[in-house]
């Protein structure tokens, strides 16, 4: 993850040198790199219930009008939780009495449409929706027992946020947003059934606007 962050920071810096202009002009593209926090809800909490603080989100948006932008969003999240010693039955013939470690790793990728309510204001508020796919991997570790399950599902994500520039003539700024992920991923691992994946997410990061 550190390598990804470094590469993105270098790319954003290079693009900023090439595209820096007055913030008062109409934006053409936005690149953002965000730290993401995810709160699992629904049946997702049955496997790992703890909030995930190990998330990253990369976003690109291209303006087709002053108010409307389309783009791409990709991310990565790593949920994990330790459970105290208990009897675990992976099947009818096996019982393990030990501590249990559970992990969930998700990779969302989605096309996004964003509507900017205040494109000419200093602070730019927006709302959008993303449609795409979610790859999810569940992992259970109990002593020498190790089980995996990987699956894909359709993903839908409404989102709201704001862009806050670092000055009137600066094309760098802060991106703050919140949204909801819902996907059709289904899984049964260790007698724990997930009917779909749901989470609330919060992004905070940096954006670069090109004019």
N, C-alpha and C. Protein backbone atom coordinates (compact mmCIF):
# COMPACT_ATOMS: atom_id res chain seq x y z
N UNK A 1 0.82 -1.20 0.00
CA UNK A 1 0.00 0.00 0.00
C UNK A 1 0.86 1.26 0.00
N UNK A 2 2.00 1.25 0.71
CA UNK A 2 2.89 2.40 0.75
C UNK A 2 3.42 2.70 -0.64
N UNK A 3 3.74 1.66 -1.41
CA UNK A 3 4.24 1.86 -2.76
C UNK A 3 3.18 2.49 -3.64
N UNK A 4 1.92 2.06 -3.51
CA UNK A 4 0.83 2.64 -4.29
C UNK A 4 0.66 4.11 -3.96
N UNK A 5 0.68 4.45 -2.66
CA UNK A 5 0.53 5.84 -2.24
C UNK A 5 1.66 6.69 -2.81
N UNK A 6 2.89 6.19 -2.80
CA UNK A 6 4.02 6.95 -3.32
C UNK A 6 3.89 7.19 -4.80
N UNK A 7 3.51 6.16 -5.56
CA UNK A 7 3.34 6.32 -7.01
C UNK A 7 2.26 7.33 -7.33
N UNK A 8 1.12 7.25 -6.60
CA UNK A 8 0.04 8.20 -6.85
C UNK A 8 0.45 9.62 -6.50
N UNK A 9 1.19 9.79 -5.41
CA UNK A 9 1.64 11.13 -5.01
C UNK A 9 2.55 11.73 -6.08
N UNK A 10 3.46 10.91 -6.65
CA UNK A 10 4.35 11.40 -7.70
C UNK A 10 3.56 11.79 -8.94
N UNK A 11 2.57 10.95 -9.31
CA UNK A 11 1.74 11.24 -10.48
C UNK A 11 0.95 12.53 -10.30
N UNK A 12 0.37 12.70 -9.12
CA UNK A 12 -0.39 13.91 -8.85
C UNK A 12 0.51 15.14 -8.88
N UNK A 13 1.72 15.03 -8.36
CA UNK A 13 2.65 16.16 -8.34
C UNK A 13 3.03 16.55 -9.76
N UNK A 14 3.33 15.56 -10.59
CA UNK A 14 3.69 15.84 -11.98
C UNK A 14 2.54 16.47 -12.73
N UNK A 15 1.33 15.96 -12.50
CA UNK A 15 0.16 16.52 -13.18
C UNK A 15 -0.10 17.94 -12.70
N UNK A 16 0.18 18.20 -11.42
CA UNK A 16 -0.05 19.54 -10.89
C UNK A 16 0.86 20.56 -11.53
N UNK A 17 2.13 20.20 -11.79
CA UNK A 17 3.05 21.11 -12.46
C UNK A 17 2.58 21.42 -13.86
N UNK A 18 2.05 20.40 -14.56
CA UNK A 18 1.63 20.57 -15.95
C UNK A 18 0.32 21.32 -16.05
N UNK A 19 -0.59 21.18 -15.05
CA UNK A 19 -1.93 21.71 -15.20
C UNK A 19 -2.27 22.85 -14.29
N UNK A 20 -1.33 23.40 -13.52
CA UNK A 20 -1.64 24.45 -12.56
C UNK A 20 -2.07 25.73 -13.27
N UNK A 21 -3.28 26.22 -12.93
CA UNK A 21 -3.82 27.46 -13.43
C UNK A 21 -4.71 28.06 -12.37
N UNK A 22 -5.32 29.18 -12.67
CA UNK A 22 -6.19 29.83 -11.71
C UNK A 22 -7.38 28.94 -11.37
N UNK A 23 -7.72 28.86 -10.09
CA UNK A 23 -8.83 28.02 -9.65
C UNK A 23 -10.17 28.56 -10.15
N UNK A 24 -10.19 29.82 -10.56
CA UNK A 24 -11.45 30.39 -11.03
C UNK A 24 -11.92 29.83 -12.35
N UNK A 25 -11.05 29.18 -13.11
CA UNK A 25 -11.44 28.60 -14.39
C UNK A 25 -12.27 27.34 -14.18
N UNK A 26 -12.95 26.92 -15.24
CA UNK A 26 -13.74 25.70 -15.16
C UNK A 26 -12.82 24.49 -15.09
N UNK A 27 -13.13 23.56 -14.20
CA UNK A 27 -12.33 22.35 -14.07
C UNK A 27 -12.64 21.40 -15.22
N UNK A 28 -11.61 20.70 -15.68
CA UNK A 28 -11.76 19.70 -16.74
C UNK A 28 -11.63 18.29 -16.19
N UNK A 29 -10.71 18.10 -15.26
CA UNK A 29 -10.49 16.79 -14.66
C UNK A 29 -10.15 16.96 -13.18
N UNK A 30 -10.43 15.90 -12.41
CA UNK A 30 -10.06 15.86 -11.00
C UNK A 30 -9.46 14.49 -10.70
N UNK A 31 -8.31 14.48 -10.04
CA UNK A 31 -7.69 13.26 -9.55
C UNK A 31 -7.65 13.35 -8.02
N UNK A 32 -8.05 12.29 -7.34
CA UNK A 32 -8.01 12.32 -5.87
C UNK A 32 -7.48 11.01 -5.31
N UNK A 33 -6.75 11.13 -4.22
CA UNK A 33 -6.20 10.00 -3.48
C UNK A 33 -6.66 10.13 -2.05
N UNK A 34 -7.37 9.11 -1.53
CA UNK A 34 -8.05 9.23 -0.25
C UNK A 34 -7.74 8.06 0.69
N UNK A 35 -7.70 8.40 1.97
CA UNK A 35 -7.74 7.38 3.03
C UNK A 35 -9.21 7.07 3.27
N UNK A 36 -9.56 5.78 3.32
CA UNK A 36 -10.96 5.39 3.46
C UNK A 36 -11.18 4.55 4.71
N UNK A 37 -12.25 4.88 5.44
CA UNK A 37 -12.70 4.12 6.60
C UNK A 37 -14.03 3.47 6.25
N UNK A 38 -14.16 2.17 6.54
CA UNK A 38 -15.38 1.43 6.22
C UNK A 38 -16.01 0.84 7.47
N UNK A 39 -17.33 0.98 7.58
CA UNK A 39 -18.09 0.42 8.69
C UNK A 39 -19.01 -0.66 8.13
N UNK A 40 -18.76 -1.95 8.41
CA UNK A 40 -19.61 -3.01 7.86
C UNK A 40 -21.00 -3.00 8.49
N UNK A 41 -22.00 -3.28 7.70
CA UNK A 41 -23.38 -3.38 8.18
C UNK A 41 -24.03 -4.60 7.53
N UNK A 42 -25.21 -4.95 8.02
CA UNK A 42 -25.91 -6.10 7.47
C UNK A 42 -25.20 -7.40 7.77
N UNK A 43 -25.32 -8.37 6.87
CA UNK A 43 -24.71 -9.68 7.10
C UNK A 43 -23.19 -9.63 7.03
N UNK A 44 -22.61 -8.56 6.49
CA UNK A 44 -21.15 -8.43 6.48
C UNK A 44 -20.58 -8.43 7.90
N UNK A 45 -21.36 -7.91 8.86
CA UNK A 45 -20.91 -7.84 10.25
C UNK A 45 -20.85 -9.23 10.90
N UNK A 46 -21.54 -10.20 10.33
CA UNK A 46 -21.53 -11.54 10.92
C UNK A 46 -20.15 -12.20 10.78
N UNK A 47 -19.39 -11.77 9.79
CA UNK A 47 -18.06 -12.35 9.60
C UNK A 47 -16.99 -11.50 10.29
N UNK A 48 -16.94 -10.21 9.99
CA UNK A 48 -16.06 -9.26 10.67
C UNK A 48 -16.89 -8.04 11.01
N UNK A 49 -16.99 -7.72 12.30
CA UNK A 49 -17.86 -6.63 12.73
C UNK A 49 -17.11 -5.32 12.97
N UNK A 50 -15.78 -5.37 13.06
CA UNK A 50 -15.02 -4.18 13.41
C UNK A 50 -14.89 -3.22 12.22
N UNK A 51 -14.83 -1.92 12.55
CA UNK A 51 -14.61 -0.90 11.54
C UNK A 51 -13.22 -1.06 10.92
N UNK A 52 -13.15 -0.91 9.61
CA UNK A 52 -11.89 -1.04 8.89
C UNK A 52 -11.25 0.34 8.70
N UNK A 53 -10.01 0.50 9.20
CA UNK A 53 -9.27 1.75 9.03
C UNK A 53 -8.13 1.59 8.03
N UNK A 54 -8.09 0.47 7.32
CA UNK A 54 -7.01 0.19 6.38
C UNK A 54 -7.54 0.21 4.96
N UNK A 55 -8.05 1.37 4.55
CA UNK A 55 -8.61 1.49 3.22
C UNK A 55 -7.96 2.59 2.41
N UNK A 56 -7.96 2.42 1.09
CA UNK A 56 -7.45 3.42 0.17
C UNK A 56 -8.42 3.55 -0.99
N UNK A 57 -8.59 4.79 -1.48
CA UNK A 57 -9.50 5.05 -2.59
C UNK A 57 -8.81 5.97 -3.58
N UNK A 58 -8.89 5.62 -4.87
CA UNK A 58 -8.32 6.41 -5.95
C UNK A 58 -9.44 6.76 -6.92
N UNK A 59 -9.56 8.05 -7.25
CA UNK A 59 -10.70 8.50 -8.05
C UNK A 59 -10.24 9.44 -9.17
N UNK A 60 -10.87 9.28 -10.32
CA UNK A 60 -10.66 10.18 -11.47
C UNK A 60 -12.02 10.61 -11.99
N UNK A 61 -12.16 11.90 -12.27
CA UNK A 61 -13.42 12.43 -12.78
C UNK A 61 -13.14 13.38 -13.94
N UNK A 62 -13.95 13.30 -14.99
CA UNK A 62 -13.83 14.15 -16.17
C UNK A 62 -15.13 14.89 -16.38
N UNK A 63 -15.05 16.22 -16.50
CA UNK A 63 -16.25 17.05 -16.62
C UNK A 63 -16.76 17.07 -18.05
N UNK A 64 -18.02 16.67 -18.23
CA UNK A 64 -18.66 16.76 -19.54
C UNK A 64 -19.45 18.05 -19.66
N UNK A 65 -19.86 18.63 -18.51
CA UNK A 65 -20.42 19.98 -18.43
C UNK A 65 -19.83 20.62 -17.17
N UNK A 66 -20.20 21.88 -16.90
CA UNK A 66 -19.69 22.54 -15.69
C UNK A 66 -20.16 21.83 -14.43
N UNK A 67 -21.33 21.18 -14.48
CA UNK A 67 -21.90 20.54 -13.29
C UNK A 67 -21.70 19.03 -13.25
N UNK A 68 -21.54 18.41 -14.40
CA UNK A 68 -21.59 16.95 -14.47
C UNK A 68 -20.24 16.37 -14.84
N UNK A 69 -19.82 15.35 -14.05
CA UNK A 69 -18.54 14.68 -14.30
C UNK A 69 -18.75 13.17 -14.29
N UNK A 70 -18.00 12.48 -15.14
CA UNK A 70 -18.01 11.02 -15.16
C UNK A 70 -16.58 10.55 -14.91
N UNK A 71 -16.45 9.33 -14.38
CA UNK A 71 -15.10 8.88 -14.09
C UNK A 71 -15.03 7.47 -13.58
N UNK A 72 -13.94 7.18 -12.90
CA UNK A 72 -13.65 5.82 -12.42
C UNK A 72 -13.16 5.89 -10.98
N UNK A 73 -13.55 4.90 -10.18
CA UNK A 73 -13.15 4.83 -8.78
C UNK A 73 -12.73 3.40 -8.46
N UNK A 74 -11.54 3.25 -7.85
CA UNK A 74 -11.08 1.94 -7.42
C UNK A 74 -10.60 2.04 -5.97
N UNK A 75 -10.62 0.93 -5.25
CA UNK A 75 -10.24 0.97 -3.85
C UNK A 75 -9.76 -0.37 -3.34
N UNK A 76 -9.34 -0.35 -2.09
CA UNK A 76 -8.90 -1.56 -1.40
C UNK A 76 -9.21 -1.40 0.08
N UNK A 77 -9.75 -2.46 0.71
CA UNK A 77 -10.04 -2.44 2.14
C UNK A 77 -9.66 -3.77 2.77
N UNK A 78 -9.13 -3.70 3.99
CA UNK A 78 -8.69 -4.90 4.71
C UNK A 78 -9.34 -4.92 6.08
N UNK A 79 -10.39 -5.73 6.24
CA UNK A 79 -11.06 -5.92 7.53
C UNK A 79 -10.41 -7.09 8.26
N UNK A 80 -10.32 -6.99 9.57
CA UNK A 80 -9.80 -8.14 10.33
C UNK A 80 -10.30 -8.05 11.78
N UNK A 81 -10.42 -9.23 12.38
CA UNK A 81 -10.91 -9.31 13.76
C UNK A 81 -10.44 -10.62 14.39
N UNK A 82 -10.06 -10.55 15.67
CA UNK A 82 -9.67 -11.75 16.42
C UNK A 82 -10.78 -12.11 17.38
N UNK A 83 -11.10 -13.42 17.43
CA UNK A 83 -12.11 -13.93 18.35
C UNK A 83 -11.43 -14.83 19.38
N UNK A 84 -11.89 -14.73 20.62
CA UNK A 84 -11.29 -15.52 21.70
C UNK A 84 -11.54 -17.00 21.49
N UNK A 85 -10.88 -17.80 22.31
CA UNK A 85 -10.96 -19.26 22.18
C UNK A 85 -12.41 -19.73 22.27
N UNK A 86 -12.77 -20.56 21.29
CA UNK A 86 -14.12 -21.12 21.23
C UNK A 86 -14.09 -22.38 20.38
N UNK A 87 -15.16 -23.15 20.44
CA UNK A 87 -15.25 -24.36 19.63
C UNK A 87 -15.74 -23.97 18.24
N UNK A 88 -14.97 -24.36 17.25
CA UNK A 88 -15.29 -24.04 15.86
C UNK A 88 -15.44 -25.35 15.08
N UNK A 89 -16.52 -25.46 14.32
CA UNK A 89 -16.81 -26.67 13.54
C UNK A 89 -16.83 -26.34 12.05
N UNK A 90 -15.71 -26.54 11.35
CA UNK A 90 -15.69 -26.29 9.91
C UNK A 90 -16.54 -27.28 9.13
N UNK A 91 -16.79 -28.47 9.69
CA UNK A 91 -17.67 -29.46 9.07
C UNK A 91 -18.20 -30.38 10.16
N UNK A 92 -19.01 -31.36 9.79
CA UNK A 92 -19.66 -32.24 10.76
C UNK A 92 -18.67 -33.13 11.52
N UNK A 93 -17.53 -33.41 10.93
CA UNK A 93 -16.59 -34.36 11.53
C UNK A 93 -15.40 -33.70 12.22
N UNK A 94 -15.37 -32.38 12.27
CA UNK A 94 -14.21 -31.69 12.82
C UNK A 94 -14.64 -30.64 13.83
N UNK A 95 -13.93 -30.57 14.97
CA UNK A 95 -14.17 -29.52 15.97
C UNK A 95 -12.82 -29.01 16.45
N UNK A 96 -12.66 -27.68 16.45
CA UNK A 96 -11.39 -27.05 16.86
C UNK A 96 -11.69 -26.06 17.98
N UNK A 97 -10.99 -26.20 19.10
CA UNK A 97 -11.16 -25.30 20.24
C UNK A 97 -9.93 -24.40 20.32
N UNK A 98 -10.02 -23.20 19.76
CA UNK A 98 -8.86 -22.31 19.70
C UNK A 98 -9.32 -20.91 19.33
N UNK A 99 -8.37 -19.95 19.44
CA UNK A 99 -8.65 -18.59 19.00
C UNK A 99 -8.84 -18.58 17.48
N UNK A 100 -9.60 -17.62 17.02
CA UNK A 100 -9.97 -17.56 15.62
C UNK A 100 -9.64 -16.17 15.06
N UNK A 101 -9.07 -16.15 13.86
CA UNK A 101 -8.74 -14.89 13.18
C UNK A 101 -9.51 -14.85 11.86
N UNK A 102 -10.20 -13.74 11.64
CA UNK A 102 -10.97 -13.59 10.40
C UNK A 102 -10.51 -12.34 9.66
N UNK A 103 -10.47 -12.47 8.33
CA UNK A 103 -10.05 -11.36 7.47
C UNK A 103 -11.02 -11.26 6.30
N UNK A 104 -11.26 -10.04 5.86
CA UNK A 104 -11.99 -9.79 4.63
C UNK A 104 -11.25 -8.71 3.85
N UNK A 105 -10.93 -9.01 2.61
CA UNK A 105 -10.30 -8.03 1.74
C UNK A 105 -11.22 -7.76 0.56
N UNK A 106 -11.48 -6.49 0.31
CA UNK A 106 -12.38 -6.12 -0.78
C UNK A 106 -11.68 -5.18 -1.76
N UNK A 107 -12.03 -5.36 -3.05
CA UNK A 107 -11.48 -4.53 -4.12
C UNK A 107 -12.65 -4.00 -4.96
N UNK A 108 -13.18 -2.82 -4.65
CA UNK A 108 -14.26 -2.27 -5.45
C UNK A 108 -13.73 -1.51 -6.67
N UNK A 109 -14.41 -1.65 -7.79
CA UNK A 109 -14.11 -0.88 -8.99
C UNK A 109 -15.44 -0.47 -9.60
N UNK A 110 -15.59 0.82 -9.89
CA UNK A 110 -16.90 1.30 -10.35
C UNK A 110 -16.75 2.53 -11.23
N UNK A 111 -17.67 2.65 -12.19
CA UNK A 111 -17.82 3.89 -12.96
C UNK A 111 -18.71 4.82 -12.15
N UNK A 112 -18.39 6.11 -12.16
CA UNK A 112 -19.12 7.08 -11.35
C UNK A 112 -19.66 8.23 -12.18
N UNK A 113 -20.78 8.75 -11.74
CA UNK A 113 -21.33 9.99 -12.25
C UNK A 113 -21.51 10.93 -11.06
N UNK A 114 -20.98 12.16 -11.17
CA UNK A 114 -21.08 13.13 -10.08
C UNK A 114 -21.73 14.41 -10.59
N UNK A 115 -22.62 14.94 -9.77
CA UNK A 115 -23.24 16.24 -10.07
C UNK A 115 -22.75 17.26 -9.05
N UNK A 116 -22.17 18.36 -9.54
CA UNK A 116 -21.65 19.41 -8.69
C UNK A 116 -22.68 20.53 -8.57
N UNK A 117 -23.18 20.73 -7.35
CA UNK A 117 -24.23 21.72 -7.12
C UNK A 117 -23.70 23.15 -7.18
N UNK A 118 -22.45 23.34 -6.79
CA UNK A 118 -21.89 24.70 -6.69
C UNK A 118 -20.55 24.76 -7.42
N UNK A 119 -20.53 24.58 -8.77
CA UNK A 119 -19.25 24.51 -9.49
C UNK A 119 -18.47 25.83 -9.48
N UNK A 120 -19.16 26.95 -9.26
CA UNK A 120 -18.48 28.25 -9.29
C UNK A 120 -18.14 28.77 -7.89
N UNK A 121 -18.53 28.04 -6.86
CA UNK A 121 -18.22 28.45 -5.49
C UNK A 121 -16.82 28.00 -5.08
N UNK A 122 -16.32 28.62 -4.03
CA UNK A 122 -15.00 28.22 -3.50
C UNK A 122 -15.03 26.77 -3.02
N UNK A 123 -16.02 26.41 -2.21
CA UNK A 123 -16.24 25.03 -1.79
C UNK A 123 -17.26 24.42 -2.72
N UNK A 124 -16.91 23.29 -3.31
CA UNK A 124 -17.76 22.67 -4.33
C UNK A 124 -18.39 21.40 -3.77
N UNK A 125 -19.71 21.43 -3.57
CA UNK A 125 -20.45 20.27 -3.06
C UNK A 125 -20.93 19.41 -4.23
N UNK A 126 -20.94 18.09 -4.01
CA UNK A 126 -21.37 17.20 -5.08
C UNK A 126 -22.09 15.98 -4.51
N UNK A 127 -22.83 15.32 -5.39
CA UNK A 127 -23.46 14.03 -5.08
C UNK A 127 -23.30 13.15 -6.31
N UNK A 128 -23.17 11.86 -6.08
CA UNK A 128 -22.96 10.97 -7.21
C UNK A 128 -23.37 9.55 -6.91
N UNK A 129 -23.23 8.71 -7.92
CA UNK A 129 -23.52 7.29 -7.77
C UNK A 129 -22.52 6.51 -8.61
N UNK A 130 -22.09 5.37 -8.09
CA UNK A 130 -21.17 4.51 -8.80
C UNK A 130 -21.76 3.13 -9.02
N UNK A 131 -21.49 2.55 -10.17
CA UNK A 131 -21.93 1.21 -10.51
C UNK A 131 -20.73 0.41 -11.00
N UNK A 132 -20.60 -0.82 -10.52
CA UNK A 132 -19.46 -1.61 -10.94
C UNK A 132 -19.46 -2.99 -10.32
N UNK A 133 -18.30 -3.43 -9.87
CA UNK A 133 -18.14 -4.79 -9.33
C UNK A 133 -17.29 -4.74 -8.07
N UNK A 134 -17.50 -5.72 -7.20
CA UNK A 134 -16.74 -5.85 -5.96
C UNK A 134 -16.17 -7.25 -5.87
N UNK A 135 -14.85 -7.33 -5.70
CA UNK A 135 -14.19 -8.60 -5.41
C UNK A 135 -13.98 -8.68 -3.90
N UNK A 136 -14.44 -9.77 -3.29
CA UNK A 136 -14.32 -9.94 -1.84
C UNK A 136 -13.69 -11.29 -1.54
N UNK A 137 -12.74 -11.28 -0.60
CA UNK A 137 -12.11 -12.51 -0.17
C UNK A 137 -12.22 -12.67 1.34
N UNK A 138 -12.84 -13.75 1.80
CA UNK A 138 -12.94 -14.06 3.23
C UNK A 138 -11.89 -15.10 3.60
N UNK A 139 -11.32 -14.95 4.80
CA UNK A 139 -10.22 -15.83 5.21
C UNK A 139 -10.37 -16.12 6.70
N UNK A 140 -10.33 -17.39 7.09
CA UNK A 140 -10.38 -17.81 8.49
C UNK A 140 -9.11 -18.59 8.82
N UNK A 141 -8.47 -18.25 9.94
CA UNK A 141 -7.27 -18.96 10.40
C UNK A 141 -7.52 -19.41 11.84
N UNK A 142 -7.42 -20.74 12.08
CA UNK A 142 -7.54 -21.31 13.42
C UNK A 142 -6.46 -22.38 13.56
N UNK A 143 -5.43 -22.06 14.33
CA UNK A 143 -4.27 -22.96 14.46
C UNK A 143 -3.78 -23.35 13.06
N UNK A 144 -3.81 -24.65 12.72
CA UNK A 144 -3.33 -25.09 11.41
C UNK A 144 -4.43 -25.10 10.36
N UNK A 145 -5.65 -24.77 10.77
CA UNK A 145 -6.77 -24.75 9.83
C UNK A 145 -6.82 -23.40 9.13
N UNK A 146 -6.92 -23.43 7.80
CA UNK A 146 -6.90 -22.21 7.00
C UNK A 146 -7.92 -22.36 5.87
N UNK A 147 -8.91 -21.46 5.80
CA UNK A 147 -9.95 -21.56 4.79
C UNK A 147 -10.14 -20.22 4.08
N UNK A 148 -10.39 -20.30 2.76
CA UNK A 148 -10.59 -19.11 1.94
C UNK A 148 -11.90 -19.21 1.17
N UNK A 149 -12.44 -18.05 0.84
CA UNK A 149 -13.55 -17.98 -0.11
C UNK A 149 -13.46 -16.66 -0.85
N UNK A 150 -13.45 -16.71 -2.18
CA UNK A 150 -13.38 -15.51 -3.01
C UNK A 150 -14.62 -15.43 -3.89
N UNK A 151 -15.16 -14.24 -4.05
CA UNK A 151 -16.36 -14.08 -4.84
C UNK A 151 -16.46 -12.67 -5.42
N UNK A 152 -17.27 -12.55 -6.46
CA UNK A 152 -17.53 -11.28 -7.12
C UNK A 152 -19.01 -10.95 -7.04
N UNK A 153 -19.33 -9.65 -7.06
CA UNK A 153 -20.72 -9.23 -7.06
C UNK A 153 -20.90 -7.88 -7.72
N UNK A 154 -22.12 -7.59 -8.10
CA UNK A 154 -22.48 -6.27 -8.65
C UNK A 154 -22.48 -5.25 -7.52
N UNK A 155 -21.93 -4.05 -7.77
CA UNK A 155 -21.76 -3.03 -6.75
C UNK A 155 -22.48 -1.75 -7.12
N UNK A 156 -23.18 -1.15 -6.15
CA UNK A 156 -23.82 0.16 -6.30
C UNK A 156 -23.45 1.03 -5.12
N UNK A 157 -23.05 2.30 -5.37
CA UNK A 157 -22.55 3.16 -4.30
C UNK A 157 -23.00 4.61 -4.49
N UNK A 158 -24.01 5.07 -3.77
CA UNK A 158 -24.31 6.51 -3.73
C UNK A 158 -23.30 7.22 -2.84
N UNK A 159 -23.02 8.51 -3.14
CA UNK A 159 -21.98 9.23 -2.42
C UNK A 159 -22.26 10.73 -2.43
N UNK A 160 -21.88 11.42 -1.36
CA UNK A 160 -21.92 12.88 -1.29
C UNK A 160 -20.57 13.37 -0.79
N UNK A 161 -20.20 14.61 -1.18
CA UNK A 161 -18.91 15.10 -0.73
C UNK A 161 -18.71 16.57 -1.06
N UNK A 162 -17.53 17.07 -0.68
CA UNK A 162 -17.15 18.45 -0.97
C UNK A 162 -15.67 18.49 -1.35
N UNK A 163 -15.34 19.47 -2.22
CA UNK A 163 -13.96 19.79 -2.55
C UNK A 163 -13.62 21.14 -1.92
N UNK A 164 -12.53 21.18 -1.16
CA UNK A 164 -12.12 22.41 -0.48
C UNK A 164 -10.71 22.76 -0.94
N UNK A 165 -10.54 23.79 -1.80
CA UNK A 165 -9.21 24.13 -2.30
C UNK A 165 -8.33 24.77 -1.24
N UNK A 166 -7.02 24.65 -1.42
CA UNK A 166 -6.06 25.27 -0.52
C UNK A 166 -5.74 26.69 -0.99
N UNK A 167 -6.76 27.51 -1.18
CA UNK A 167 -6.57 28.88 -1.64
C UNK A 167 -7.29 29.10 -2.96
N UNK A 168 -7.60 30.36 -3.27
CA UNK A 168 -8.38 30.68 -4.46
C UNK A 168 -7.62 30.40 -5.75
N UNK A 169 -6.32 30.50 -5.75
CA UNK A 169 -5.53 30.28 -6.96
C UNK A 169 -4.76 28.98 -6.89
N UNK A 170 -5.30 28.00 -6.18
CA UNK A 170 -4.61 26.73 -6.00
C UNK A 170 -5.48 25.60 -6.55
N UNK A 171 -4.88 24.77 -7.40
CA UNK A 171 -5.66 23.65 -7.94
C UNK A 171 -5.53 22.39 -7.09
N UNK A 172 -4.83 22.48 -5.94
CA UNK A 172 -4.81 21.41 -4.95
C UNK A 172 -5.86 21.68 -3.88
N UNK A 173 -6.35 20.64 -3.24
CA UNK A 173 -7.31 20.83 -2.17
C UNK A 173 -7.62 19.53 -1.44
N UNK A 174 -8.59 19.62 -0.53
CA UNK A 174 -9.02 18.47 0.26
C UNK A 174 -10.33 17.92 -0.30
N UNK A 175 -10.42 16.63 -0.32
CA UNK A 175 -11.66 15.95 -0.70
C UNK A 175 -12.22 15.24 0.53
N UNK A 176 -13.47 15.52 0.86
CA UNK A 176 -14.14 14.86 1.97
C UNK A 176 -15.46 14.31 1.46
N UNK A 177 -15.69 13.02 1.64
CA UNK A 177 -16.91 12.41 1.11
C UNK A 177 -17.36 11.24 1.98
N UNK A 178 -18.61 10.86 1.80
CA UNK A 178 -19.18 9.72 2.52
C UNK A 178 -20.14 9.02 1.58
N UNK A 179 -20.25 7.70 1.74
CA UNK A 179 -21.13 6.95 0.86
C UNK A 179 -21.53 5.61 1.45
N UNK A 180 -22.22 4.85 0.62
CA UNK A 180 -22.76 3.55 1.04
C UNK A 180 -22.50 2.54 -0.05
N UNK A 181 -21.88 1.41 0.30
CA UNK A 181 -21.64 0.32 -0.64
C UNK A 181 -22.66 -0.79 -0.44
N UNK A 182 -23.24 -1.23 -1.53
CA UNK A 182 -24.10 -2.41 -1.51
C UNK A 182 -23.74 -3.28 -2.70
N UNK A 183 -23.46 -4.56 -2.44
CA UNK A 183 -23.10 -5.46 -3.53
C UNK A 183 -23.80 -6.80 -3.34
N UNK A 184 -23.85 -7.56 -4.42
CA UNK A 184 -24.57 -8.84 -4.42
C UNK A 184 -23.71 -10.03 -4.03
N UNK A 185 -22.51 -9.77 -3.51
CA UNK A 185 -21.61 -10.87 -3.13
C UNK A 185 -22.27 -11.81 -2.12
N UNK A 186 -22.15 -13.10 -2.37
CA UNK A 186 -22.66 -14.12 -1.46
C UNK A 186 -21.53 -15.06 -1.07
N UNK A 187 -21.55 -15.48 0.19
CA UNK A 187 -20.48 -16.35 0.68
C UNK A 187 -20.96 -17.15 1.87
N UNK A 188 -20.43 -18.37 1.99
CA UNK A 188 -20.61 -19.20 3.19
C UNK A 188 -19.27 -19.80 3.53
N UNK A 189 -18.71 -19.36 4.65
CA UNK A 189 -17.41 -19.85 5.08
C UNK A 189 -17.44 -20.06 6.58
N UNK A 190 -17.10 -21.26 7.01
CA UNK A 190 -17.13 -21.57 8.44
C UNK A 190 -18.53 -21.46 9.02
N UNK A 191 -19.53 -21.89 8.26
CA UNK A 191 -20.94 -21.83 8.67
C UNK A 191 -21.44 -20.40 8.89
N UNK A 192 -20.72 -19.42 8.36
CA UNK A 192 -21.14 -18.02 8.43
C UNK A 192 -21.60 -17.60 7.05
N UNK A 193 -22.86 -17.25 6.92
CA UNK A 193 -23.45 -16.94 5.63
C UNK A 193 -23.55 -15.44 5.44
N UNK A 194 -23.11 -14.99 4.28
CA UNK A 194 -23.24 -13.58 3.90
C UNK A 194 -24.14 -13.52 2.67
N UNK A 195 -25.27 -12.84 2.80
CA UNK A 195 -26.23 -12.74 1.71
C UNK A 195 -25.90 -11.62 0.73
N UNK A 196 -25.23 -10.57 1.20
CA UNK A 196 -24.74 -9.48 0.38
C UNK A 196 -23.69 -8.73 1.21
N UNK A 197 -23.00 -7.80 0.59
CA UNK A 197 -22.01 -7.02 1.32
C UNK A 197 -22.49 -5.57 1.39
N UNK A 198 -22.47 -5.00 2.61
CA UNK A 198 -22.89 -3.63 2.81
C UNK A 198 -21.90 -2.92 3.75
N UNK A 199 -21.68 -1.64 3.49
CA UNK A 199 -20.83 -0.85 4.37
C UNK A 199 -21.06 0.63 4.13
N UNK A 200 -20.86 1.41 5.17
CA UNK A 200 -20.77 2.87 5.04
C UNK A 200 -19.29 3.22 4.98
N UNK A 201 -18.96 4.16 4.10
CA UNK A 201 -17.54 4.54 3.99
C UNK A 201 -17.37 6.05 4.07
N UNK A 202 -16.17 6.45 4.51
CA UNK A 202 -15.82 7.86 4.68
C UNK A 202 -14.44 8.08 4.08
N UNK A 203 -14.34 9.05 3.18
CA UNK A 203 -13.07 9.37 2.53
C UNK A 203 -12.56 10.73 2.98
N UNK A 204 -11.27 10.82 3.19
CA UNK A 204 -10.61 12.11 3.37
C UNK A 204 -9.26 12.03 2.68
N UNK A 205 -8.98 13.01 1.83
CA UNK A 205 -7.74 12.95 1.07
C UNK A 205 -7.46 14.22 0.30
N UNK A 206 -6.59 14.09 -0.68
CA UNK A 206 -6.17 15.22 -1.51
C UNK A 206 -6.70 15.06 -2.92
N UNK A 207 -7.01 16.20 -3.55
CA UNK A 207 -7.39 16.17 -4.95
C UNK A 207 -6.54 17.16 -5.74
N UNK A 208 -6.43 16.91 -7.02
CA UNK A 208 -5.76 17.80 -7.95
C UNK A 208 -6.72 18.10 -9.10
N UNK A 209 -6.98 19.38 -9.36
CA UNK A 209 -7.87 19.79 -10.45
C UNK A 209 -7.05 20.28 -11.64
N UNK A 210 -7.39 19.81 -12.84
CA UNK A 210 -6.78 20.30 -14.07
C UNK A 210 -7.81 21.15 -14.82
N UNK A 211 -7.35 22.24 -15.42
CA UNK A 211 -8.26 23.20 -16.05
C UNK A 211 -8.05 23.27 -17.55
